[in-house]
C-alpha atoms as a PDB file:
ATOM      1  CA  MET A   1       0.048   0.172  -0.161  1.00  0.00           C
ATOM      2  CA  GLU A   2       2.619   2.666   1.105  1.00  0.00           C
ATOM      3  CA  LYS A   3       4.825   1.488  -2.126  1.00  0.00           C
ATOM      4  CA  TRP A   4       1.878   2.229  -4.401  1.00  0.00           C
ATOM      5  CA  LEU A   5       0.935   5.709  -2.876  1.00  0.00           C
ATOM      6  CA  LYS A   6       4.507   6.794  -2.882  1.00  0.00           C
ATOM      7  CA  SER A   7       4.827   6.005  -6.890  1.00  0.00           C
ATOM      8  CA  LEU A   8       1.944   7.969  -7.707  1.00  0.00           C
ATOM      9  CA  LYS A   9       3.285  10.869  -9.806  1.00  0.00           C
ATOM     10  CA  ASP A  10       0.171  12.841  -9.075  1.00  0.00           C
ATOM     11  CA  LYS A  11       1.174  14.380  -5.668  1.00  0.00           C
ATOM     12  CA  THR A  12      -2.156  16.193  -5.217  1.00  0.00           C
ATOM     13  CA  ALA A  13      -3.620  13.258  -5.633  1.00  0.00           C
ATOM     14  CA  ALA A  14      -1.076  11.178  -3.217  1.00  0.00           C
ATOM     15  CA  ALA A  15      -1.878  14.095  -0.629  1.00  0.00           C
ATOM     16  CA  LYS A  16      -5.976  13.851  -0.874  1.00  0.00           C
ATOM     17  CA  ILE A  17      -5.535   9.848  -0.520  1.00  0.00           C
ATOM     18  CA  LYS A  18      -3.131  10.676   2.733  1.00  0.00           C
ATOM     19  CA  VAL A  19      -6.271  12.921   3.850  1.00  0.00           C
ATOM     20  CA  ARG A  20      -9.073  10.290   3.239  1.00  0.00           C
ATOM     21  CA  ILE A  21      -6.577   7.679   4.935  1.00  0.00           C
ATOM     22  CA  ARG A  22      -6.202   9.935   8.289  1.00  0.00           C
ATOM     23  CA  ARG A  23      -9.797  10.662   8.284  1.00  0.00           C
ATOM     24  CA  MET A  24     -10.895   7.013   8.087  1.00  0.00           C
ATOM     25  CA  GLN A  25      -8.630   6.753  11.280  1.00  0.00           C
ATOM     26  CA  GLU A  26     -10.828   9.069  12.897  1.00  0.00           C
ATOM     27  CA  GLY A  27     -13.765   7.229  11.871  1.00  0.00           C
ATOM     28  CA  ASN A  28     -15.263   9.156   8.925  1.00  0.00           C
ATOM     29  CA  PHE A  29     -14.904   6.418   5.802  1.00  0.00           C
ATOM     30  CA  GLY A  30     -16.539   8.807   3.543  1.00  0.00           C
ATOM     31  CA  ASP A  31     -17.480   7.284   0.241  1.00  0.00           C
ATOM     32  CA  VAL A  32     -17.190   3.681   0.687  1.00  0.00           C
ATOM     33  CA  LYS A  33     -18.667   0.745  -0.758  1.00  0.00           C
ATOM     34  CA  PRO A  34     -18.361  -3.343  -0.321  1.00  0.00           C
ATOM     35  CA  VAL A  35     -16.863  -5.130  -3.272  1.00  0.00           C
ATOM     36  CA  GLY A  36     -17.355  -8.539  -2.012  1.00  0.00           C
ATOM     37  CA  SER A  37     -15.233 -10.982   0.409  1.00  0.00           C
ATOM     38  CA  GLY A  38     -15.254  -8.595   3.453  1.00  0.00           C
ATOM     39  CA  VAL A  39     -13.273  -6.034   1.432  1.00  0.00           C
ATOM     40  CA  SER A  40     -14.452  -2.280   0.958  1.00  0.00           C
ATOM     41  CA  GLU A  41     -13.585   0.206  -1.443  1.00  0.00           C
ATOM     42  CA  MET A  42     -13.004   3.994  -0.435  1.00  0.00           C
ATOM     43  CA  ARG A  43     -13.332   6.234  -3.459  1.00  0.00           C
ATOM     44  CA  ILE A  44     -11.431   9.330  -4.010  1.00  0.00           C
ATOM     45  CA  HIS A  45     -12.653  11.599  -6.237  1.00  0.00           C
ATOM     46  CA  CYS A  46      -9.626  13.392  -7.878  1.00  0.00           C
ATOM     47  CA  GLY A  47      -7.610  12.674 -10.662  1.00  0.00           C
ATOM     48  CA  LYS A  48      -7.679   9.213 -12.087  1.00  0.00           C
ATOM     49  CA  GLY A  49     -10.373   8.659  -9.824  1.00  0.00           C
ATOM     50  CA  TYR A  50      -8.180   6.733  -7.097  1.00  0.00           C
ATOM     51  CA  ARG A  51      -9.379   3.678  -4.700  1.00  0.00           C
ATOM     52  CA  VAL A  52      -8.245   2.049  -1.490  1.00  0.00           C
ATOM     53  CA  TYR A  53      -9.072  -1.107  -0.645  1.00  0.00           C
ATOM     54  CA  PHE A  54      -9.330  -2.451   2.989  1.00  0.00           C
ATOM     55  CA  VAL A  55     -10.834  -4.482   5.409  1.00  0.00           C
ATOM     56  CA  ASN A  56     -12.623  -3.805   8.705  1.00  0.00           C
ATOM     57  CA  ARG A  57     -12.046  -6.337  11.719  1.00  0.00           C
ATOM     58  CA  ASN A  58     -14.121  -6.651  14.431  1.00  0.00           C
ATOM     59  CA  ASN A  59     -15.194  -2.612  13.978  1.00  0.00           C
ATOM     60  CA  GLU A  60     -11.550  -1.736  15.374  1.00  0.00           C
ATOM     61  CA  ILE A  61      -9.083  -2.668  13.243  1.00  0.00           C
ATOM     62  CA  VAL A  62      -8.601  -1.643   9.359  1.00  0.00           C
ATOM     63  CA  ILE A  63      -6.388  -3.048   6.962  1.00  0.00           C
ATOM     64  CA  LEU A  64      -5.206  -1.073   3.961  1.00  0.00           C
ATOM     65  CA  LEU A  65      -4.754  -3.919   1.120  1.00  0.00           C
ATOM     66  CA  CYS A  66      -3.878  -2.264  -1.711  1.00  0.00           C
ATOM     67  CA  GLY A  67      -4.660   1.065  -3.977  1.00  0.00           C
ATOM     68  CA  GLY A  68      -5.255   1.754  -7.649  1.00  0.00           C
ATOM     69  CA  ASP A  69      -7.420   3.911  -9.841  1.00  0.00           C
ATOM     70  CA  LYS A  70     -10.504   3.527 -11.989  1.00  0.00           C
ATOM     71  CA  ASP A  71      -8.563   1.900 -14.786  1.00  0.00           C
ATOM     72  CA  THR A  72      -7.268  -1.089 -12.796  1.00  0.00           C
ATOM     73  CA  GLN A  73     -10.271  -1.121 -10.627  1.00  0.00           C
ATOM     74  CA  GLN A  74     -11.211  -5.032 -11.365  1.00  0.00           C
ATOM     75  CA  THR A  75      -7.364  -6.249 -10.972  1.00  0.00           C
ATOM     76  CA  ASP A  76      -6.995  -4.103  -7.783  1.00  0.00           C
ATOM     77  CA  ILE A  77     -10.043  -5.693  -6.253  1.00  0.00           C
ATOM     78  CA  LYS A  78      -8.906  -9.266  -6.901  1.00  0.00           C
ATOM     79  CA  ILE A  79      -5.466  -8.354  -5.679  1.00  0.00           C
ATOM     80  CA  ALA A  80      -7.548  -6.966  -2.139  1.00  0.00           C
ATOM     81  CA  LYS A  81      -9.662  -9.957  -2.082  1.00  0.00           C
ATOM     82  CA  GLU A  82      -6.511 -12.220  -2.325  1.00  0.00           C
ATOM     83  CA  LEU A  83      -4.806 -10.237   0.450  1.00  0.00           C
ATOM     84  CA  ALA A  84      -7.511 -10.345   2.775  1.00  0.00           C
ATOM     85  CA  ASN A  85      -8.331 -14.147   2.383  1.00  0.00           C
ATOM     86  CA  LYS A  86      -4.318 -14.472   3.110  1.00  0.00           C
ATOM     87  CA  TRP A  87      -4.254 -12.366   6.228  1.00  0.00           C
ATOM     88  CA  GLY A  88      -7.447 -14.054   7.227  1.00  0.00           C
END
């Protein structure tokens, strides 16, 4: 997740994603929808339509799995589900 975030060329989008993650830490998840297998997608409305995939365990721990954009959405969801399954 961190590697993906650092690799973004759009630094404005990267900053907005970091703000959204901080808000998530405070309990404000914003624009989120489930994508299956316990994985949810947080949509960030800037740039290429970035997404952050995560699982919420026992309403206490959020595990960030991976990120991507609208163009790679289906592949990213598949990867996120595999990671969520791996980490049980």
